[in-house]
Amino acid sequence: MDETPISLPPWLPWATTACLAALAACLGELWAIERMRVRQMGDEAALAAASLQATQNQLEAERIVSRREIDDLKGAATGLAPPAALLVPPGGGGGAGPWGVVAGDQSLLCGGLARADANHYELWAVLGDGSSVAMAAFEGTGSAQRVRLRAIRPGSVIRDFLLLRTPGGASLTLEDAKAQGLIILASASDTPRK
């Protein structure tokens, strides 16, 4: 049997070389893309680390400022008639939020309370026997202000003070205000409790 040799077309080696060159170009491009992705991920990781460090620095600065504000308020309270109670936002708070000091001369020195027609404020005293007494009702001015407090029964022991925001000026019971989350400030000794 005679077999005739199969002759390959003359363009086949060129086509094979072109296909291999295209394959090599695609692989090179994929390698370059992956290299750029790795570099981009490294840059994103560096940005995330810088952002984390900036956030940690900001938190530390706020903690320092809050500590200084508390120390300043304690210093201001020493100039008032003792005893004095420092009022801070529940949970610690900090920054430029509301603040208050209750002085033994039956006055409240406070600031940072929003001035709005719908916002009125009430200071309540929680007594040693668990009962509560409204000590003052007033409107916020947006700046520091001094409010005179109502007298309580002689011999009453005040355990804590709570400053409530009362929408629309409606007087609430202390339990209703706690349930509605309207406590703006509380005695520093009371703030860790929920």
C-alpha atoms as a PDB file:
ATOM      1  CA  MET A   1       0.000   0.000   0.000  1.00  0.00           C
ATOM      2  CA  ASP A   2       1.233   3.262  -0.995  1.00  0.00           C
ATOM      3  CA  GLU A   3       0.468   6.110   1.253  1.00  0.00           C
ATOM      4  CA  THR A   4       0.680   9.532  -0.058  1.00  0.00           C
ATOM      5  CA  PRO A   5       2.416  11.865   2.250  1.00  0.00           C
ATOM      6  CA  ILE A   6       0.231  14.581   3.707  1.00  0.00           C
ATOM      7  CA  SER A   7       1.660  17.897   3.018  1.00  0.00           C
ATOM      8  CA  LEU A   8       1.082  20.637   5.521  1.00  0.00           C
ATOM      9  CA  PRO A   9       0.023  24.003   4.328  1.00  0.00           C
ATOM     10  CA  PRO A  10       2.857  26.509   4.264  1.00  0.00           C
ATOM     11  CA  TRP A  11       1.016  28.964   6.539  1.00  0.00           C
ATOM     12  CA  LEU A  12       0.587  26.441   9.428  1.00  0.00           C
ATOM     13  CA  PRO A  13       3.926  27.173  11.159  1.00  0.00           C
ATOM     14  CA  TRP A  14       3.207  30.882  10.992  1.00  0.00           C
ATOM     15  CA  ALA A  15      -0.287  30.375  12.426  1.00  0.00           C
ATOM     16  CA  THR A  16       1.087  28.169  15.220  1.00  0.00           C
ATOM     17  CA  THR A  17       3.714  30.775  16.044  1.00  0.00           C
ATOM     18  CA  ALA A  18       1.060  33.523  16.039  1.00  0.00           C
ATOM     19  CA  CYS A  19      -1.192  31.504  18.398  1.00  0.00           C
ATOM     20  CA  LEU A  20       1.695  30.855  20.772  1.00  0.00           C
ATOM     21  CA  ALA A  21       2.640  34.543  20.679  1.00  0.00           C
ATOM     22  CA  ALA A  22      -0.991  35.548  21.449  1.00  0.00           C
ATOM     23  CA  LEU A  23      -1.093  33.022  24.307  1.00  0.00           C
ATOM     24  CA  ALA A  24       2.173  34.378  25.698  1.00  0.00           C
ATOM     25  CA  ALA A  25       0.830  37.953  25.427  1.00  0.00           C
ATOM     26  CA  CYS A  26      -2.378  36.978  27.295  1.00  0.00           C
ATOM     27  CA  LEU A  27      -0.413  35.229  30.028  1.00  0.00           C
ATOM     28  CA  GLY A  28       1.891  38.239  30.333  1.00  0.00           C
ATOM     29  CA  GLU A  29      -1.113  40.562  30.620  1.00  0.00           C
ATOM     30  CA  LEU A  30      -2.727  38.351  33.272  1.00  0.00           C
ATOM     31  CA  TRP A  31       0.567  38.358  35.212  1.00  0.00           C
ATOM     32  CA  ALA A  32       0.733  42.182  34.981  1.00  0.00           C
ATOM     33  CA  ILE A  33      -2.911  42.500  36.117  1.00  0.00           C
ATOM     34  CA  GLU A  34      -2.332  40.206  39.099  1.00  0.00           C
ATOM     35  CA  ARG A  35       0.814  42.142  40.002  1.00  0.00           C
ATOM     36  CA  MET A  36      -1.168  45.392  39.909  1.00  0.00           C
ATOM     37  CA  ARG A  37      -3.899  43.808  42.071  1.00  0.00           C
ATOM     38  CA  VAL A  38      -1.329  42.729  44.648  1.00  0.00           C
ATOM     39  CA  ARG A  39       0.154  46.232  44.654  1.00  0.00           C
ATOM     40  CA  GLN A  40      -3.352  47.752  44.985  1.00  0.00           C
ATOM     41  CA  MET A  41      -4.177  45.423  47.885  1.00  0.00           C
ATOM     42  CA  GLY A  42      -0.930  46.448  49.571  1.00  0.00           C
ATOM     43  CA  ASP A  43      -1.843  50.121  49.116  1.00  0.00           C
ATOM     44  CA  GLU A  44      -5.360  49.496  50.479  1.00  0.00           C
ATOM     45  CA  ALA A  45      -3.884  47.683  53.490  1.00  0.00           C
ATOM     46  CA  ALA A  46      -1.556  50.635  54.126  1.00  0.00           C
ATOM     47  CA  LEU A  47      -4.498  53.072  53.865  1.00  0.00           C
ATOM     48  CA  ALA A  48      -6.572  50.922  56.233  1.00  0.00           C
ATOM     49  CA  ALA A  49      -3.704  50.828  58.723  1.00  0.00           C
ATOM     50  CA  ALA A  50      -3.322  54.617  58.496  1.00  0.00           C
ATOM     51  CA  SER A  51      -7.080  55.080  58.941  1.00  0.00           C
ATOM     52  CA  LEU A  52      -7.067  52.761  61.955  1.00  0.00           C
ATOM     53  CA  GLN A  53      -4.167  54.671  63.491  1.00  0.00           C
ATOM     54  CA  ALA A  54      -5.960  57.993  62.860  1.00  0.00           C
ATOM     55  CA  THR A  55      -9.135  56.647  64.509  1.00  0.00           C
ATOM     56  CA  GLN A  56      -7.142  55.384  67.495  1.00  0.00           C
ATOM     57  CA  ASN A  57      -5.435  58.770  67.787  1.00  0.00           C
ATOM     58  CA  GLN A  58      -8.806  60.547  67.635  1.00  0.00           C
ATOM     59  CA  LEU A  59     -10.275  58.276  70.325  1.00  0.00           C
ATOM     60  CA  GLU A  60      -7.253  58.868  72.541  1.00  0.00           C
ATOM     61  CA  ALA A  61      -7.537  62.629  72.003  1.00  0.00           C
ATOM     62  CA  GLU A  62     -11.264  62.548  72.863  1.00  0.00           C
ATOM     63  CA  ARG A  63     -10.506  60.505  75.985  1.00  0.00           C
ATOM     64  CA  ILE A  64      -7.895  63.052  77.051  1.00  0.00           C
ATOM     65  CA  VAL A  65     -10.245  65.980  76.343  1.00  0.00           C
ATOM     66  CA  SER A  66     -13.097  64.260  78.201  1.00  0.00           C
ATOM     67  CA  ARG A  67     -10.824  63.571  81.169  1.00  0.00           C
ATOM     68  CA  ARG A  68      -9.720  67.229  81.168  1.00  0.00           C
ATOM     69  CA  GLU A  69     -13.338  68.432  80.955  1.00  0.00           C
ATOM     70  CA  ILE A  70     -14.295  66.218  83.890  1.00  0.00           C
ATOM     71  CA  ASP A  71     -11.292  67.460  85.867  1.00  0.00           C
ATOM     72  CA  ASP A  72     -12.216  71.074  85.004  1.00  0.00           C
ATOM     73  CA  LEU A  73     -15.813  70.475  86.098  1.00  0.00           C
ATOM     74  CA  LYS A  74     -14.600  68.923  89.344  1.00  0.00           C
ATOM     75  CA  GLY A  75     -12.396  71.978  89.810  1.00  0.00           C
ATOM     76  CA  ALA A  76     -15.353  74.273  89.126  1.00  0.00           C
ATOM     77  CA  ALA A  77     -17.446  72.253  91.542  1.00  0.00           C
ATOM     78  CA  THR A  78     -14.934  72.830  94.320  1.00  0.00           C
ATOM     79  CA  GLY A  79     -15.713  76.560  94.128  1.00  0.00           C
ATOM     80  CA  LEU A  80     -19.382  75.816  94.801  1.00  0.00           C
ATOM     81  CA  ALA A  81     -20.890  74.981  98.123  1.00  0.00           C
ATOM     82  CA  PRO A  82     -20.306  71.283  98.913  1.00  0.00           C
ATOM     83  CA  PRO A  83     -21.445  68.667  98.307  1.00  0.00           C
ATOM     84  CA  ALA A  84     -21.369  68.763  94.504  1.00  0.00           C
ATOM     85  CA  ALA A  85     -22.227  66.080  91.960  1.00  0.00           C
ATOM     86  CA  LEU A  86     -20.782  65.906  88.478  1.00  0.00           C
ATOM     87  CA  LEU A  87     -23.321  65.070  85.742  1.00  0.00           C
ATOM     88  CA  VAL A  88     -22.089  63.327  82.594  1.00  0.00           C
ATOM     89  CA  PRO A  89     -23.834  61.616  79.643  1.00  0.00           C
ATOM     90  CA  PRO A  90     -24.910  58.024  80.383  1.00  0.00           C
ATOM     91  CA  GLY A  91     -22.246  55.603  79.148  1.00  0.00           C
ATOM     92  CA  GLY A  92     -19.448  58.151  79.528  1.00  0.00           C
ATOM     93  CA  GLY A  93     -19.998  60.262  76.396  1.00  0.00           C
ATOM     94  CA  GLY A  94     -17.388  62.918  75.866  1.00  0.00           C
ATOM     95  CA  GLY A  95     -16.529  65.667  73.461  1.00  0.00           C
ATOM     96  CA  ALA A  96     -18.593  68.829  73.252  1.00  0.00           C
ATOM     97  CA  GLY A  97     -21.870  67.355  74.521  1.00  0.00           C
ATOM     98  CA  PRO A  98     -23.978  68.414  77.490  1.00  0.00           C
ATOM     99  CA  TRP A  99     -22.497  68.697  80.984  1.00  0.00           C
ATOM    100  CA  GLY A 100     -23.648  69.655  84.455  1.00  0.00           C
ATOM    101  CA  VAL A 101     -22.668  70.139  88.087  1.00  0.00           C
ATOM    102  CA  VAL A 102     -25.151  70.071  90.975  1.00  0.00           C
ATOM    103  CA  ALA A 103     -23.927  72.239  93.836  1.00  0.00           C
ATOM    104  CA  GLY A 104     -24.798  71.952  97.481  1.00  0.00           C
ATOM    105  CA  ASP A 105     -26.128  75.523  97.394  1.00  0.00           C
ATOM    106  CA  GLN A 106     -29.163  74.076  95.627  1.00  0.00           C
ATOM    107  CA  SER A 107     -28.248  75.064  92.090  1.00  0.00           C
ATOM    108  CA  LEU A 108     -27.450  73.302  88.842  1.00  0.00           C
ATOM    109  CA  LEU A 109     -24.733  74.662  86.577  1.00  0.00           C
ATOM    110  CA  CYS A 110     -25.111  73.139  83.101  1.00  0.00           C
ATOM    111  CA  GLY A 111     -24.279  73.715  79.470  1.00  0.00           C
ATOM    112  CA  GLY A 112     -24.444  72.193  76.013  1.00  0.00           C
ATOM    113  CA  LEU A 113     -28.209  71.659  76.230  1.00  0.00           C
ATOM    114  CA  ALA A 114     -29.965  72.130  72.903  1.00  0.00           C
ATOM    115  CA  ARG A 115     -32.136  75.210  72.587  1.00  0.00           C
ATOM    116  CA  ALA A 116     -35.345  74.154  70.844  1.00  0.00           C
ATOM    117  CA  ASP A 117     -39.030  74.869  71.323  1.00  0.00           C
ATOM    118  CA  ALA A 118     -39.757  71.160  71.724  1.00  0.00           C
ATOM    119  CA  ASN A 119     -37.000  70.528  74.299  1.00  0.00           C
ATOM    120  CA  HIS A 120     -37.472  71.227  77.973  1.00  0.00           C
ATOM    121  CA  TYR A 121     -35.369  69.743  80.735  1.00  0.00           C
ATOM    122  CA  GLU A 122     -36.053  68.409  84.222  1.00  0.00           C
ATOM    123  CA  LEU A 123     -33.564  67.545  86.954  1.00  0.00           C
ATOM    124  CA  TRP A 124     -34.602  64.642  89.157  1.00  0.00           C
ATOM    125  CA  ALA A 125     -33.045  63.458  92.404  1.00  0.00           C
ATOM    126  CA  VAL A 126     -33.136  59.763  93.263  1.00  0.00           C
ATOM    127  CA  LEU A 127     -33.313  59.496  97.039  1.00  0.00           C
ATOM    128  CA  GLY A 128     -31.750  56.866  99.259  1.00  0.00           C
ATOM    129  CA  ASP A 129     -35.132  55.181  99.814  1.00  0.00           C
ATOM    130  CA  GLY A 130     -35.574  54.701  96.033  1.00  0.00           C
ATOM    131  CA  SER A 131     -38.156  57.456  95.557  1.00  0.00           C
ATOM    132  CA  SER A 132     -37.545  60.286  93.112  1.00  0.00           C
ATOM    133  CA  VAL A 133     -38.213  64.018  93.284  1.00  0.00           C
ATOM    134  CA  ALA A 134     -38.312  66.605  90.474  1.00  0.00           C
ATOM    135  CA  MET A 135     -35.820  69.311  91.488  1.00  0.00           C
ATOM    136  CA  ALA A 136     -36.106  71.757  88.553  1.00  0.00           C
ATOM    137  CA  ALA A 137     -37.763  72.306  85.185  1.00  0.00           C
ATOM    138  CA  PHE A 138     -36.210  74.681  82.639  1.00  0.00           C
ATOM    139  CA  GLU A 139     -35.428  75.299  78.967  1.00  0.00           C
ATOM    140  CA  GLY A 140     -31.968  74.906  77.450  1.00  0.00           C
ATOM    141  CA  THR A 141     -30.218  78.040  76.249  1.00  0.00           C
ATOM    142  CA  GLY A 142     -27.428  76.371  74.271  1.00  0.00           C
ATOM    143  CA  SER A 143     -24.855  77.978  76.590  1.00  0.00           C
ATOM    144  CA  ALA A 144     -23.866  77.649  80.232  1.00  0.00           C
ATOM    145  CA  GLN A 145     -26.646  78.467  82.671  1.00  0.00           C
ATOM    146  CA  ARG A 146     -27.394  78.261  86.392  1.00  0.00           C
ATOM    147  CA  VAL A 147     -30.742  76.887  87.559  1.00  0.00           C
ATOM    148  CA  ARG A 148     -32.084  77.122  91.107  1.00  0.00           C
ATOM    149  CA  LEU A 149     -33.296  73.832  92.566  1.00  0.00           C
ATOM    150  CA  ARG A 150     -36.360  73.137  94.660  1.00  0.00           C
ATOM    151  CA  ALA A 151     -35.732  72.200  98.263  1.00  0.00           C
ATOM    152  CA  ILE A 152     -36.331  68.615  99.335  1.00  0.00           C
ATOM    153  CA  ARG A 153     -37.401  67.197 102.682  1.00  0.00           C
ATOM    154  CA  PRO A 154     -34.835  67.858 105.389  1.00  0.00           C
ATOM    155  CA  GLY A 155     -32.828  64.748 106.181  1.00  0.00           C
ATOM    156  CA  SER A 156     -33.357  63.212 102.700  1.00  0.00           C
ATOM    157  CA  VAL A 157     -30.324  61.452 101.291  1.00  0.00           C
ATOM    158  CA  ILE A 158     -29.776  62.032  97.587  1.00  0.00           C
ATOM    159  CA  ARG A 159     -28.266  59.011  95.893  1.00  0.00           C
ATOM    160  CA  ASP A 160     -28.153  60.198  92.265  1.00  0.00           C
ATOM    161  CA  PHE A 161     -29.203  63.015  89.956  1.00  0.00           C
ATOM    162  CA  LEU A 162     -30.691  62.529  86.483  1.00  0.00           C
ATOM    163  CA  LEU A 163     -31.281  65.247  83.880  1.00  0.00           C
ATOM    164  CA  LEU A 164     -34.107  64.409  81.463  1.00  0.00           C
ATOM    165  CA  ARG A 165     -35.138  65.869  78.128  1.00  0.00           C
ATOM    166  CA  THR A 166     -38.918  66.253  78.199  1.00  0.00           C
ATOM    167  CA  PRO A 167     -40.302  66.716  74.661  1.00  0.00           C
ATOM    168  CA  GLY A 168     -42.936  69.414  74.433  1.00  0.00           C
ATOM    169  CA  GLY A 169     -42.452  70.290  78.088  1.00  0.00           C
ATOM    170  CA  ALA A 170     -44.562  67.343  79.196  1.00  0.00           C
ATOM    171  CA  SER A 171     -43.616  66.365  82.725  1.00  0.00           C
ATOM    172  CA  LEU A 172     -42.852  62.658  82.872  1.00  0.00           C
ATOM    173  CA  THR A 173     -42.338  60.244  85.684  1.00  0.00           C
ATOM    174  CA  LEU A 174     -38.757  59.127  86.087  1.00  0.00           C
ATOM    175  CA  GLU A 175     -39.706  55.590  85.036  1.00  0.00           C
ATOM    176  CA  ASP A 176     -41.368  56.849  81.818  1.00  0.00           C
ATOM    177  CA  ALA A 177     -38.315  58.952  80.997  1.00  0.00           C
ATOM    178  CA  LYS A 178     -35.971  56.003  81.559  1.00  0.00           C
ATOM    179  CA  ALA A 179     -38.175  53.778  79.386  1.00  0.00           C
ATOM    180  CA  GLN A 180     -38.161  56.363  76.570  1.00  0.00           C
ATOM    181  CA  GLY A 181     -34.388  56.856  76.770  1.00  0.00           C
ATOM    182  CA  LEU A 182     -34.680  60.562  77.583  1.00  0.00           C
ATOM    183  CA  ILE A 183     -31.882  60.695  80.171  1.00  0.00           C
ATOM    184  CA  ILE A 184     -29.355  63.306  79.016  1.00  0.00           C
ATOM    185  CA  LEU A 185     -27.049  63.402  82.061  1.00  0.00           C
ATOM    186  CA  ALA A 186     -26.591  61.342  85.204  1.00  0.00           C
ATOM    187  CA  SER A 187     -24.426  61.529  88.303  1.00  0.00           C
ATOM    188  CA  ALA A 188     -20.899  60.371  87.526  1.00  0.00           C
ATOM    189  CA  SER A 189     -21.371  57.599  90.087  1.00  0.00           C
ATOM    190  CA  ASP A 190     -24.528  56.481  88.266  1.00  0.00           C
ATOM    191  CA  THR A 191     -23.272  56.483  84.661  1.00  0.00           C
ATOM    192  CA  PRO A 192     -21.899  52.924  84.457  1.00  0.00           C
ATOM    193  CA  ARG A 193     -25.293  51.533  85.416  1.00  0.00           C
ATOM    194  CA  LYS A 194     -27.980  51.107  82.770  1.00  0.00           C
END
